[in-house]
Amino acid sequence: MLRLEKVHKAFDGFLAVNGAELHVEKGQLVAVIGPNGAGKTTLFNLITGQLKADRGRVIFNGEDITKLPTHDICRRGIARSFQLANIFHRLSVFRNIQVSVLSQQRKSNNLFRPAQSMGVNETTRILESVGLQNKADHIAGSLSHGDQRILEIAIALGNQPQMLVLDEPTAGMSPEETARTMLLIKRLADTRGLTILFCEHDMDVVFDAAQSIMVMNYGKTIIQGKPEEVRKSRAVQEAYLGGEEDA
């Protein structure tokens, strides 16, 4: 579904991504790991169009999307969450998701009048699928940190994606919130047939959830393989798993 071919991105001469390669099969949960400064978030920004690669190609469903704007990439089926929750803090939980649903349906120009009655069924289905139906009328900014991160995933679902790109989906969560969020992510992959690419600093979460793991350092791909292959890699053991992992 997704393939990165020797992608490069430099900032004032610094190579943040230096020939990175990645492949994601349909229906997989794929993790990207590496230390601070490895280039993971930059890589995600290149995939989703926030940044444009200097060299290399990003291929999605057989189409070169390297130079496409973000909204075109989104409409082709890639939705994104960020390291910090990106939500409408003053709107209700329901309205947050409805904004996304109506945007996907291209009905967002007059969002609440008369559009407030549009997209209700799909918004309700998404609320139920992520377990936020009992908080539909809550103001988004009043939610706990964990629920705000789940809301951001729900907003992404409103775009009817084929692939979710999640940048540290459990960052700042308690162990209980982390377990709940990862169960949700696995369930979404199973029930919706979603392909999920995620970046995570918690190695227990990564090795429990991911079917394939790509390891980055200095903007390069060190290895991509099954969790047991990555765990046995001497380079990974020495450079990453032997110390504290951060994103």
C-alpha atoms as a PDB file:
ATOM      1  CA  MET A   1       0.000   0.000   0.000  1.00  0.00           C
ATOM      2  CA  LEU A   2       2.809   2.434   0.902  1.00  0.00           C
ATOM      3  CA  ARG A   3       6.401   2.446  -0.311  1.00  0.00           C
ATOM      4  CA  LEU A   4       9.161   4.978   0.300  1.00  0.00           C
ATOM      5  CA  GLU A   5      12.079   4.835  -2.111  1.00  0.00           C
ATOM      6  CA  LYS A   6      15.353   6.426  -0.920  1.00  0.00           C
ATOM      7  CA  VAL A   7      13.649   9.545   0.427  1.00  0.00           C
ATOM      8  CA  HIS A   8      15.795  12.547   1.371  1.00  0.00           C
ATOM      9  CA  LYS A   9      14.952  15.771   3.196  1.00  0.00           C
ATOM     10  CA  ALA A  10      17.471  18.425   4.238  1.00  0.00           C
ATOM     11  CA  PHE A  11      17.105  21.571   6.350  1.00  0.00           C
ATOM     12  CA  ASP A  12      19.881  24.137   5.811  1.00  0.00           C
ATOM     13  CA  GLY A  13      22.244  21.369   4.791  1.00  0.00           C
ATOM     14  CA  PHE A  14      21.283  19.000   7.617  1.00  0.00           C
ATOM     15  CA  LEU A  15      19.944  15.677   6.300  1.00  0.00           C
ATOM     16  CA  ALA A  16      16.967  14.924   8.529  1.00  0.00           C
ATOM     17  CA  VAL A  17      15.944  12.026   6.279  1.00  0.00           C
ATOM     18  CA  ASN A  18      18.808  10.443   4.379  1.00  0.00           C
ATOM     19  CA  GLY A  19      17.720   7.832   1.868  1.00  0.00           C
ATOM     20  CA  ALA A  20      15.076   6.239   4.115  1.00  0.00           C
ATOM     21  CA  GLU A  21      13.079   3.314   2.771  1.00  0.00           C
ATOM     22  CA  LEU A  22       9.832   1.840   4.080  1.00  0.00           C
ATOM     23  CA  HIS A  23       7.176  -0.573   2.897  1.00  0.00           C
ATOM     24  CA  VAL A  24       3.727  -1.061   4.392  1.00  0.00           C
ATOM     25  CA  GLU A  25       1.418  -3.859   3.248  1.00  0.00           C
ATOM     26  CA  LYS A  26      -2.356  -3.457   3.269  1.00  0.00           C
ATOM     27  CA  GLY A  27      -3.853  -4.287   6.666  1.00  0.00           C
ATOM     28  CA  GLN A  28      -0.529  -4.224   8.527  1.00  0.00           C
ATOM     29  CA  LEU A  29       0.357  -2.456  11.768  1.00  0.00           C
ATOM     30  CA  VAL A  30       3.843  -1.069  11.124  1.00  0.00           C
ATOM     31  CA  ALA A  31       5.961   0.774  13.689  1.00  0.00           C
ATOM     32  CA  VAL A  32       8.805   3.220  13.081  1.00  0.00           C
ATOM     33  CA  ILE A  33      11.284   3.527  15.937  1.00  0.00           C
ATOM     34  CA  GLY A  34      14.584   5.289  16.601  1.00  0.00           C
ATOM     35  CA  PRO A  35      16.245   7.744  18.996  1.00  0.00           C
ATOM     36  CA  ASN A  36      15.701  11.499  19.213  1.00  0.00           C
ATOM     37  CA  GLY A  37      16.643  13.140  15.941  1.00  0.00           C
ATOM     38  CA  ALA A  38      16.388   9.925  13.946  1.00  0.00           C
ATOM     39  CA  GLY A  39      13.989  11.561  11.486  1.00  0.00           C
ATOM     40  CA  LYS A  40      10.744   9.765  12.332  1.00  0.00           C
ATOM     41  CA  THR A  41       8.417  12.771  12.501  1.00  0.00           C
ATOM     42  CA  THR A  42      10.037  14.289   9.424  1.00  0.00           C
ATOM     43  CA  LEU A  43       9.413  10.995   7.635  1.00  0.00           C
ATOM     44  CA  PHE A  44       5.739  11.096   8.622  1.00  0.00           C
ATOM     45  CA  ASN A  45       5.527  14.706   7.424  1.00  0.00           C
ATOM     46  CA  LEU A  46       6.905  13.629   4.048  1.00  0.00           C
ATOM     47  CA  ILE A  47       4.359  10.823   3.764  1.00  0.00           C
ATOM     48  CA  THR A  48       1.402  13.070   4.577  1.00  0.00           C
ATOM     49  CA  GLY A  49       2.485  16.142   2.603  1.00  0.00           C
ATOM     50  CA  GLN A  50       3.393  18.559   5.393  1.00  0.00           C
ATOM     51  CA  LEU A  51       6.878  18.487   3.858  1.00  0.00           C
ATOM     52  CA  LYS A  52       8.085  17.682   0.337  1.00  0.00           C
ATOM     53  CA  ALA A  53      10.994  15.327  -0.283  1.00  0.00           C
ATOM     54  CA  ASP A  54      14.117  16.741  -1.922  1.00  0.00           C
ATOM     55  CA  ARG A  55      14.779  13.373  -3.557  1.00  0.00           C
ATOM     56  CA  GLY A  56      13.160   9.956  -3.646  1.00  0.00           C
ATOM     57  CA  ARG A  57       9.547   8.919  -4.001  1.00  0.00           C
ATOM     58  CA  VAL A  58       6.515   8.237  -1.819  1.00  0.00           C
ATOM     59  CA  ILE A  59       4.198   5.715  -3.492  1.00  0.00           C
ATOM     60  CA  PHE A  60       0.673   5.091  -2.184  1.00  0.00           C
ATOM     61  CA  ASN A  61      -1.563   2.501  -3.832  1.00  0.00           C
ATOM     62  CA  GLY A  62       0.732   2.553  -6.838  1.00  0.00           C
ATOM     63  CA  GLU A  63       0.564   6.353  -7.271  1.00  0.00           C
ATOM     64  CA  ASP A  64       3.443   8.758  -6.778  1.00  0.00           C
ATOM     65  CA  ILE A  65       2.203  11.222  -4.127  1.00  0.00           C
ATOM     66  CA  THR A  66       5.608  12.771  -3.354  1.00  0.00           C
ATOM     67  CA  LYS A  67       4.716  16.287  -4.461  1.00  0.00           C
ATOM     68  CA  LEU A  68       0.973  16.314  -3.752  1.00  0.00           C
ATOM     69  CA  PRO A  69      -0.480  18.819  -1.250  1.00  0.00           C
ATOM     70  CA  THR A  70      -1.691  17.558   2.097  1.00  0.00           C
ATOM     71  CA  HIS A  71      -5.408  17.753   1.314  1.00  0.00           C
ATOM     72  CA  ASP A  72      -4.977  15.694  -1.859  1.00  0.00           C
ATOM     73  CA  ILE A  73      -3.068  13.022   0.041  1.00  0.00           C
ATOM     74  CA  CYS A  74      -5.811  12.980   2.680  1.00  0.00           C
ATOM     75  CA  ARG A  75      -8.507  12.531   0.050  1.00  0.00           C
ATOM     76  CA  ARG A  76      -6.554   9.621  -1.407  1.00  0.00           C
ATOM     77  CA  GLY A  77      -6.885   7.818   1.905  1.00  0.00           C
ATOM     78  CA  ILE A  78      -4.112   8.770   4.346  1.00  0.00           C
ATOM     79  CA  ALA A  79      -5.151  10.384   7.658  1.00  0.00           C
ATOM     80  CA  ARG A  80      -2.779  11.647  10.321  1.00  0.00           C
ATOM     81  CA  SER A  81      -2.515  12.290  14.047  1.00  0.00           C
ATOM     82  CA  PHE A  82       0.248  14.381  15.620  1.00  0.00           C
ATOM     83  CA  GLN A  83       2.525  14.302  18.682  1.00  0.00           C
ATOM     84  CA  LEU A  84       0.308  16.941  20.306  1.00  0.00           C
ATOM     85  CA  ALA A  85      -3.451  16.450  20.124  1.00  0.00           C
ATOM     86  CA  ASN A  86      -4.768  18.459  17.171  1.00  0.00           C
ATOM     87  CA  ILE A  87      -8.432  19.062  18.032  1.00  0.00           C
ATOM     88  CA  PHE A  88     -10.966  21.923  18.217  1.00  0.00           C
ATOM     89  CA  HIS A  89     -10.800  22.541  21.952  1.00  0.00           C
ATOM     90  CA  ARG A  90     -13.911  24.773  22.166  1.00  0.00           C
ATOM     91  CA  LEU A  91     -16.209  22.518  20.170  1.00  0.00           C
ATOM     92  CA  SER A  92     -18.008  19.473  21.487  1.00  0.00           C
ATOM     93  CA  VAL A  93     -16.628  16.007  20.904  1.00  0.00           C
ATOM     94  CA  PHE A  94     -19.467  15.372  18.448  1.00  0.00           C
ATOM     95  CA  ARG A  95     -18.798  18.565  16.467  1.00  0.00           C
ATOM     96  CA  ASN A  96     -15.068  17.784  16.266  1.00  0.00           C
ATOM     97  CA  ILE A  97     -15.790  14.542  14.466  1.00  0.00           C
ATOM     98  CA  GLN A  98     -18.627  16.037  12.415  1.00  0.00           C
ATOM     99  CA  VAL A  99     -16.225  18.668  11.034  1.00  0.00           C
ATOM    100  CA  SER A 100     -14.061  15.870   9.668  1.00  0.00           C
ATOM    101  CA  VAL A 101     -17.002  13.883   8.294  1.00  0.00           C
ATOM    102  CA  LEU A 102     -18.460  16.902   6.485  1.00  0.00           C
ATOM    103  CA  SER A 103     -15.065  17.913   5.149  1.00  0.00           C
ATOM    104  CA  GLN A 104     -14.646  14.446   3.627  1.00  0.00           C
ATOM    105  CA  GLN A 105     -18.136  14.777   2.137  1.00  0.00           C
ATOM    106  CA  ARG A 106     -17.243  18.302   0.942  1.00  0.00           C
ATOM    107  CA  LYS A 107     -20.145  19.803   2.888  1.00  0.00           C
ATOM    108  CA  SER A 108     -18.160  21.925   5.320  1.00  0.00           C
ATOM    109  CA  ASN A 109     -18.576  25.416   3.872  1.00  0.00           C
ATOM    110  CA  ASN A 110     -21.652  26.145   6.014  1.00  0.00           C
ATOM    111  CA  LEU A 111     -20.804  23.800   8.790  1.00  0.00           C
ATOM    112  CA  PHE A 112     -23.518  24.164  11.412  1.00  0.00           C
ATOM    113  CA  ARG A 113     -26.307  26.001   9.589  1.00  0.00           C
ATOM    114  CA  PRO A 114     -27.749  24.065   7.843  1.00  0.00           C
ATOM    115  CA  ALA A 115     -24.927  21.494   7.933  1.00  0.00           C
ATOM    116  CA  GLN A 116     -25.372  20.716  11.651  1.00  0.00           C
ATOM    117  CA  SER A 117     -27.887  18.026  10.743  1.00  0.00           C
ATOM    118  CA  MET A 118     -25.605  16.443   8.138  1.00  0.00           C
ATOM    119  CA  GLY A 119     -23.259  13.543   8.720  1.00  0.00           C
ATOM    120  CA  VAL A 120     -24.944  12.686  12.017  1.00  0.00           C
ATOM    121  CA  ASN A 121     -25.167   8.938  11.426  1.00  0.00           C
ATOM    122  CA  GLU A 122     -21.541   8.568  10.372  1.00  0.00           C
ATOM    123  CA  THR A 123     -20.377  10.796  13.249  1.00  0.00           C
ATOM    124  CA  THR A 124     -22.356   8.670  15.691  1.00  0.00           C
ATOM    125  CA  ARG A 125     -20.866   5.465  14.266  1.00  0.00           C
ATOM    126  CA  ILE A 126     -17.361   6.826  14.711  1.00  0.00           C
ATOM    127  CA  LEU A 127     -18.093   7.933  18.280  1.00  0.00           C
ATOM    128  CA  GLU A 128     -19.288   4.424  19.111  1.00  0.00           C
ATOM    129  CA  SER A 129     -16.327   2.768  17.404  1.00  0.00           C
ATOM    130  CA  VAL A 130     -13.830   4.658  19.613  1.00  0.00           C
ATOM    131  CA  GLY A 131     -15.869   4.488  22.821  1.00  0.00           C
ATOM    132  CA  LEU A 132     -16.621   8.216  23.163  1.00  0.00           C
ATOM    133  CA  GLN A 133     -20.396   8.047  22.647  1.00  0.00           C
ATOM    134  CA  ASN A 134     -21.049   8.930  26.304  1.00  0.00           C
ATOM    135  CA  LYS A 135     -18.937  12.088  25.941  1.00  0.00           C
ATOM    136  CA  ALA A 136     -20.412  13.341  22.674  1.00  0.00           C
ATOM    137  CA  ASP A 137     -21.691  16.586  24.250  1.00  0.00           C
ATOM    138  CA  HIS A 138     -18.548  17.288  26.280  1.00  0.00           C
ATOM    139  CA  ILE A 139     -16.344  20.211  25.260  1.00  0.00           C
ATOM    140  CA  ALA A 140     -13.252  18.657  23.685  1.00  0.00           C
ATOM    141  CA  GLY A 141     -10.833  20.760  25.739  1.00  0.00           C
ATOM    142  CA  SER A 142     -12.301  19.364  28.965  1.00  0.00           C
ATOM    143  CA  LEU A 143     -11.425  15.758  28.102  1.00  0.00           C
ATOM    144  CA  SER A 144      -8.575  13.907  29.744  1.00  0.00           C
ATOM    145  CA  HIS A 145      -5.318  13.716  27.817  1.00  0.00           C
ATOM    146  CA  GLY A 146      -6.008  10.102  26.860  1.00  0.00           C
ATOM    147  CA  ASP A 147      -9.507  10.898  25.584  1.00  0.00           C
ATOM    148  CA  GLN A 148      -8.190  13.852  23.583  1.00  0.00           C
ATOM    149  CA  ARG A 149      -5.759  11.529  21.806  1.00  0.00           C
ATOM    150  CA  ILE A 150      -8.579   9.082  21.099  1.00  0.00           C
ATOM    151  CA  LEU A 151     -10.706  11.970  19.817  1.00  0.00           C
ATOM    152  CA  GLU A 152      -7.924  12.877  17.410  1.00  0.00           C
ATOM    153  CA  ILE A 153      -8.003   9.322  16.058  1.00  0.00           C
ATOM    154  CA  ALA A 154     -11.788   9.633  15.725  1.00  0.00           C
ATOM    155  CA  ILE A 155     -11.354  12.862  13.749  1.00  0.00           C
ATOM    156  CA  ALA A 156      -8.943  11.043  11.455  1.00  0.00           C
ATOM    157  CA  LEU A 157     -11.544   8.309  10.932  1.00  0.00           C
ATOM    158  CA  GLY A 158     -13.972  10.942   9.686  1.00  0.00           C
ATOM    159  CA  ASN A 159     -11.812  11.213   6.584  1.00  0.00           C
ATOM    160  CA  GLN A 160     -12.633   7.571   5.736  1.00  0.00           C
ATOM    161  CA  PRO A 161      -8.946   6.663   5.460  1.00  0.00           C
ATOM    162  CA  GLN A 162      -7.374   3.518   4.151  1.00  0.00           C
ATOM    163  CA  MET A 163      -4.267   4.233   6.223  1.00  0.00           C
ATOM    164  CA  LEU A 164      -3.789   5.931   9.592  1.00  0.00           C
ATOM    165  CA  VAL A 165      -0.430   7.562  10.331  1.00  0.00           C
ATOM    166  CA  LEU A 166      -0.151   7.998  14.104  1.00  0.00           C
ATOM    167  CA  ASP A 167       2.716  10.020  15.566  1.00  0.00           C
ATOM    168  CA  GLU A 168       3.257   8.813  19.160  1.00  0.00           C
ATOM    169  CA  PRO A 169      -0.398   7.881  19.790  1.00  0.00           C
ATOM    170  CA  THR A 170       0.244   7.068  23.482  1.00  0.00           C
ATOM    171  CA  ALA A 171       2.615   9.941  24.341  1.00  0.00           C
ATOM    172  CA  GLY A 172       2.006  11.273  27.869  1.00  0.00           C
ATOM    173  CA  MET A 173      -0.528   8.583  28.741  1.00  0.00           C
ATOM    174  CA  SER A 174      -0.781   6.523  31.896  1.00  0.00           C
ATOM    175  CA  PRO A 175      -0.235   2.763  31.525  1.00  0.00           C
ATOM    176  CA  GLU A 176      -4.011   2.249  31.668  1.00  0.00           C
ATOM    177  CA  GLU A 177      -4.634   4.864  28.941  1.00  0.00           C
ATOM    178  CA  THR A 178      -1.838   3.375  26.838  1.00  0.00           C
ATOM    179  CA  ALA A 179      -3.343  -0.113  27.053  1.00  0.00           C
ATOM    180  CA  ARG A 180      -6.806   1.239  26.164  1.00  0.00           C
ATOM    181  CA  THR A 181      -5.498   3.215  23.188  1.00  0.00           C
ATOM    182  CA  MET A 182      -3.484   0.327  21.760  1.00  0.00           C
ATOM    183  CA  LEU A 183      -6.461  -2.005  22.108  1.00  0.00           C
ATOM    184  CA  LEU A 184      -8.501   0.558  20.174  1.00  0.00           C
ATOM    185  CA  ILE A 185      -5.861   0.814  17.444  1.00  0.00           C
ATOM    186  CA  LYS A 186      -5.720  -2.971  17.062  1.00  0.00           C
ATOM    187  CA  ARG A 187      -9.520  -3.182  16.983  1.00  0.00           C
ATOM    188  CA  LEU A 188      -9.767  -0.489  14.321  1.00  0.00           C
ATOM    189  CA  ALA A 189      -7.254  -2.372  12.197  1.00  0.00           C
ATOM    190  CA  ASP A 190      -9.296  -5.559  12.554  1.00  0.00           C
ATOM    191  CA  THR A 191     -12.844  -4.243  12.251  1.00  0.00           C
ATOM    192  CA  ARG A 192     -12.279  -1.486   9.679  1.00  0.00           C
ATOM    193  CA  GLY A 193      -9.511  -3.173   7.725  1.00  0.00           C
ATOM    194  CA  LEU A 194      -7.277  -0.170   8.317  1.00  0.00           C
ATOM    195  CA  THR A 195      -3.571  -0.098   7.615  1.00  0.00           C
ATOM    196  CA  ILE A 196      -1.772   1.661  10.484  1.00  0.00           C
ATOM    197  CA  LEU A 197       1.704   3.211  10.508  1.00  0.00           C
ATOM    198  CA  PHE A 198       2.753   4.488  13.911  1.00  0.00           C
ATOM    199  CA  CYS A 199       5.747   5.939  15.727  1.00  0.00           C
ATOM    200  CA  GLU A 200       6.148   5.000  19.383  1.00  0.00           C
ATOM    201  CA  HIS A 201       8.815   5.320  22.076  1.00  0.00           C
ATOM    202  CA  ASP A 202       7.496   2.535  24.335  1.00  0.00           C
ATOM    203  CA  MET A 203       9.229  -0.640  23.163  1.00  0.00           C
ATOM    204  CA  ASP A 204       6.753  -2.889  24.976  1.00  0.00           C
ATOM    205  CA  VAL A 205       3.937  -1.288  22.996  1.00  0.00           C
ATOM    206  CA  VAL A 206       5.873  -1.564  19.734  1.00  0.00           C
ATOM    207  CA  PHE A 207       6.774  -5.233  20.049  1.00  0.00           C
ATOM    208  CA  ASP A 208       3.313  -6.159  21.286  1.00  0.00           C
ATOM    209  CA  ALA A 209       1.387  -4.406  18.516  1.00  0.00           C
ATOM    210  CA  ALA A 210       3.519  -4.150  15.392  1.00  0.00           C
ATOM    211  CA  GLN A 211       3.660  -6.787  12.680  1.00  0.00           C
ATOM    212  CA  SER A 212       6.604  -5.025  11.054  1.00  0.00           C
ATOM    213  CA  ILE A 213       9.118  -2.603  12.564  1.00  0.00           C
ATOM    214  CA  MET A 214      11.329  -0.111  10.745  1.00  0.00           C
ATOM    215  CA  VAL A 215      14.294   1.278  12.686  1.00  0.00           C
ATOM    216  CA  MET A 216      15.764   4.683  11.818  1.00  0.00           C
ATOM    217  CA  ASN A 217      18.941   6.460  12.827  1.00  0.00           C
ATOM    218  CA  TYR A 218      20.458   9.641  11.380  1.00  0.00           C
ATOM    219  CA  GLY A 219      17.660   9.704   8.821  1.00  0.00           C
ATOM    220  CA  LYS A 220      18.488   6.262   7.457  1.00  0.00           C
ATOM    221  CA  THR A 221      16.647   2.963   7.574  1.00  0.00           C
ATOM    222  CA  ILE A 222      18.709   0.529   9.645  1.00  0.00           C
ATOM    223  CA  ILE A 223      16.389  -2.424   9.245  1.00  0.00           C
ATOM    224  CA  GLN A 224      12.759  -3.279   8.584  1.00  0.00           C
ATOM    225  CA  GLY A 225      11.396  -6.670   9.459  1.00  0.00           C
ATOM    226  CA  LYS A 226       9.254  -8.735  11.787  1.00  0.00           C
ATOM    227  CA  PRO A 227       9.549  -7.946  15.510  1.00  0.00           C
ATOM    228  CA  GLU A 228      11.654 -11.045  16.214  1.00  0.00           C
ATOM    229  CA  GLU A 229      14.084 -10.099  13.417  1.00  0.00           C
ATOM    230  CA  VAL A 230      14.457  -6.569  14.748  1.00  0.00           C
ATOM    231  CA  ARG A 231      14.844  -7.766  18.332  1.00  0.00           C
ATOM    232  CA  LYS A 232      17.699 -10.079  17.297  1.00  0.00           C
ATOM    233  CA  SER A 233      19.513  -7.437  15.256  1.00  0.00           C
ATOM    234  CA  ARG A 234      22.853  -6.616  16.858  1.00  0.00           C
ATOM    235  CA  ALA A 235      22.765  -3.058  15.532  1.00  0.00           C
ATOM    236  CA  VAL A 236      19.317  -2.480  17.023  1.00  0.00           C
ATOM    237  CA  GLN A 237      20.274  -4.024  20.360  1.00  0.00           C
ATOM    238  CA  GLU A 238      23.388  -1.886  20.655  1.00  0.00           C
ATOM    239  CA  ALA A 239      22.010   1.389  19.336  1.00  0.00           C
ATOM    240  CA  TYR A 240      18.379   1.432  20.505  1.00  0.00           C
ATOM    241  CA  LEU A 241      17.031  -1.328  22.696  1.00  0.00           C
ATOM    242  CA  GLY A 242      19.978  -1.249  25.038  1.00  0.00           C
ATOM    243  CA  GLY A 243      19.171   2.256  26.264  1.00  0.00           C
ATOM    244  CA  GLU A 244      16.280   4.572  26.802  1.00  0.00           C
ATOM    245  CA  GLU A 245      14.179   4.940  23.671  1.00  0.00           C
ATOM    246  CA  ASP A 246      12.610   8.249  22.828  1.00  0.00           C
ATOM    247  CA  ALA A 247      10.963   9.689  19.744  1.00  0.00           C
END
